[in-house]
Amino acid sequence: MSNVHEAISQHSKKQHNHIQSFLKLEAKREALIEEAIQLCVQSLPFEVDAINQVSKEMNRLASEGIVPTRKMVTKQMVQEFVQRKNTK
């Protein structure tokens, strides 16, 4: 019986760590997206490579289980978001 409890505990701990890793990556991705948006608003050059690198890591985690995937971001997506935001 003790082995079952240990296995469940280890599984729960692994899932918790998995989710925590995902949440850290999500915060990093959101910060990078916000940075790209701010540069775009100021008509300054920006890149999406770092955003997509984080997205790939998040999608790798998603392939292992309980967290969602994230879309890759294009420059056009950022520009369209800024245009929509400015027309409101």
C-alpha atoms as a PDB file:
ATOM      1  CA  MET A   1       0.000   0.000   0.000  1.00  0.00           C
ATOM      2  CA  SER A   2       2.875   2.356   0.798  1.00  0.00           C
ATOM      3  CA  ASN A   3       4.264   1.923  -2.731  1.00  0.00           C
ATOM      4  CA  VAL A   4       0.956   3.050  -4.218  1.00  0.00           C
ATOM      5  CA  HIS A   5       0.974   6.185  -2.086  1.00  0.00           C
ATOM      6  CA  GLU A   6       4.566   6.889  -3.047  1.00  0.00           C
ATOM      7  CA  ALA A   7       3.773   6.431  -6.739  1.00  0.00           C
ATOM      8  CA  ILE A   8       0.773   8.751  -6.512  1.00  0.00           C
ATOM      9  CA  SER A   9       2.826  11.295  -4.603  1.00  0.00           C
ATOM     10  CA  GLN A  10       5.624  11.171  -7.173  1.00  0.00           C
ATOM     11  CA  HIS A  11       3.120  11.511 -10.013  1.00  0.00           C
ATOM     12  CA  SER A  12       1.472  14.508  -8.334  1.00  0.00           C
ATOM     13  CA  LYS A  13       4.833  16.141  -7.723  1.00  0.00           C
ATOM     14  CA  LYS A  14       5.841  15.606 -11.356  1.00  0.00           C
ATOM     15  CA  GLN A  15       2.578  17.168 -12.579  1.00  0.00           C
ATOM     16  CA  HIS A  16       2.999  20.103 -10.208  1.00  0.00           C
ATOM     17  CA  ASN A  17       6.538  20.737 -11.470  1.00  0.00           C
ATOM     18  CA  HIS A  18       5.306  20.429 -15.054  1.00  0.00           C
ATOM     19  CA  ILE A  19       2.621  23.063 -14.456  1.00  0.00           C
ATOM     20  CA  GLN A  20       5.027  25.366 -12.629  1.00  0.00           C
ATOM     21  CA  SER A  21       7.472  25.198 -15.539  1.00  0.00           C
ATOM     22  CA  PHE A  22       4.646  26.002 -17.932  1.00  0.00           C
ATOM     23  CA  LEU A  23       3.499  28.991 -15.850  1.00  0.00           C
ATOM     24  CA  LYS A  24       7.025  30.426 -15.775  1.00  0.00           C
ATOM     25  CA  LEU A  25       7.289  30.065 -19.538  1.00  0.00           C
ATOM     26  CA  GLU A  26       3.838  31.614 -19.975  1.00  0.00           C
ATOM     27  CA  ALA A  27       4.884  34.678 -17.981  1.00  0.00           C
ATOM     28  CA  LYS A  28       8.085  34.982 -20.015  1.00  0.00           C
ATOM     29  CA  ARG A  29       6.149  34.636 -23.292  1.00  0.00           C
ATOM     30  CA  GLU A  30       3.618  37.272 -22.262  1.00  0.00           C
ATOM     31  CA  ALA A  31       6.412  39.688 -21.311  1.00  0.00           C
ATOM     32  CA  LEU A  32       8.107  39.156 -24.680  1.00  0.00           C
ATOM     33  CA  ILE A  33       4.823  39.695 -26.522  1.00  0.00           C
ATOM     34  CA  GLU A  34       4.197  42.896 -24.568  1.00  0.00           C
ATOM     35  CA  GLU A  35       7.705  44.092 -25.428  1.00  0.00           C
ATOM     36  CA  ALA A  36       7.076  43.442 -29.137  1.00  0.00           C
ATOM     37  CA  ILE A  37       3.755  45.283 -28.939  1.00  0.00           C
ATOM     38  CA  GLN A  38       5.359  48.312 -27.303  1.00  0.00           C
ATOM     39  CA  LEU A  39       8.093  48.445 -29.945  1.00  0.00           C
ATOM     40  CA  CYS A  40       5.504  48.132 -32.701  1.00  0.00           C
ATOM     41  CA  VAL A  41       3.388  50.928 -31.172  1.00  0.00           C
ATOM     42  CA  GLN A  42       6.482  53.146 -31.276  1.00  0.00           C
ATOM     43  CA  SER A  43       7.133  52.116 -34.921  1.00  0.00           C
ATOM     44  CA  LEU A  44      10.435  50.553 -33.864  1.00  0.00           C
ATOM     45  CA  PRO A  45      11.774  47.278 -35.270  1.00  0.00           C
ATOM     46  CA  PHE A  46      10.910  44.136 -33.331  1.00  0.00           C
ATOM     47  CA  GLU A  47      11.397  40.397 -33.647  1.00  0.00           C
ATOM     48  CA  VAL A  48       9.270  37.433 -32.637  1.00  0.00           C
ATOM     49  CA  ASP A  49      12.043  34.811 -32.520  1.00  0.00           C
ATOM     50  CA  ALA A  50      12.353  34.855 -28.725  1.00  0.00           C
ATOM     51  CA  ILE A  51       8.568  34.606 -28.345  1.00  0.00           C
ATOM     52  CA  ASN A  52       8.488  31.578 -30.601  1.00  0.00           C
ATOM     53  CA  GLN A  53      11.421  29.928 -28.862  1.00  0.00           C
ATOM     54  CA  VAL A  54       9.474  30.090 -25.607  1.00  0.00           C
ATOM     55  CA  SER A  55       6.339  28.908 -27.433  1.00  0.00           C
ATOM     56  CA  LYS A  56       8.237  25.869 -28.730  1.00  0.00           C
ATOM     57  CA  GLU A  57       9.339  25.004 -25.204  1.00  0.00           C
ATOM     58  CA  MET A  58       5.753  25.364 -23.992  1.00  0.00           C
ATOM     59  CA  ASN A  59       4.538  23.116 -26.801  1.00  0.00           C
ATOM     60  CA  ARG A  60       7.184  20.552 -25.879  1.00  0.00           C
ATOM     61  CA  LEU A  61       5.774  20.547 -22.350  1.00  0.00           C
ATOM     62  CA  ALA A  62       2.257  20.277 -23.785  1.00  0.00           C
ATOM     63  CA  SER A  63       3.273  17.182 -25.745  1.00  0.00           C
ATOM     64  CA  GLU A  64       4.089  15.521 -22.423  1.00  0.00           C
ATOM     65  CA  GLY A  65       0.696  16.059 -20.916  1.00  0.00           C
ATOM     66  CA  ILE A  66      -1.512  18.357 -18.965  1.00  0.00           C
ATOM     67  CA  VAL A  67      -0.765  21.860 -20.275  1.00  0.00           C
ATOM     68  CA  PRO A  68      -2.088  23.557 -23.446  1.00  0.00           C
ATOM     69  CA  THR A  69      -0.158  24.388 -26.589  1.00  0.00           C
ATOM     70  CA  ARG A  70       0.601  27.931 -27.765  1.00  0.00           C
ATOM     71  CA  LYS A  71       0.544  29.329 -31.287  1.00  0.00           C
ATOM     72  CA  MET A  72       3.642  30.637 -32.970  1.00  0.00           C
ATOM     73  CA  VAL A  73       3.600  34.436 -33.295  1.00  0.00           C
ATOM     74  CA  THR A  74       4.317  36.348 -36.497  1.00  0.00           C
ATOM     75  CA  LYS A  75       5.242  39.989 -36.942  1.00  0.00           C
ATOM     76  CA  GLN A  76       1.975  40.401 -38.827  1.00  0.00           C
ATOM     77  CA  MET A  77       0.024  39.139 -35.807  1.00  0.00           C
ATOM     78  CA  VAL A  78       1.657  41.772 -33.592  1.00  0.00           C
ATOM     79  CA  GLN A  79       1.044  44.514 -36.160  1.00  0.00           C
ATOM     80  CA  GLU A  80      -2.613  43.518 -36.565  1.00  0.00           C
ATOM     81  CA  PHE A  81      -3.087  43.500 -32.800  1.00  0.00           C
ATOM     82  CA  VAL A  82      -1.617  47.000 -32.518  1.00  0.00           C
ATOM     83  CA  GLN A  83      -3.825  48.238 -35.387  1.00  0.00           C
ATOM     84  CA  ARG A  84      -6.967  46.792 -33.759  1.00  0.00           C
ATOM     85  CA  LYS A  85      -5.961  48.264 -30.403  1.00  0.00           C
ATOM     86  CA  ASN A  86      -5.464  51.708 -31.953  1.00  0.00           C
ATOM     87  CA  THR A  87      -8.828  51.693 -33.768  1.00  0.00           C
ATOM     88  CA  LYS A  88     -10.802  51.153 -30.562  1.00  0.00           C
END
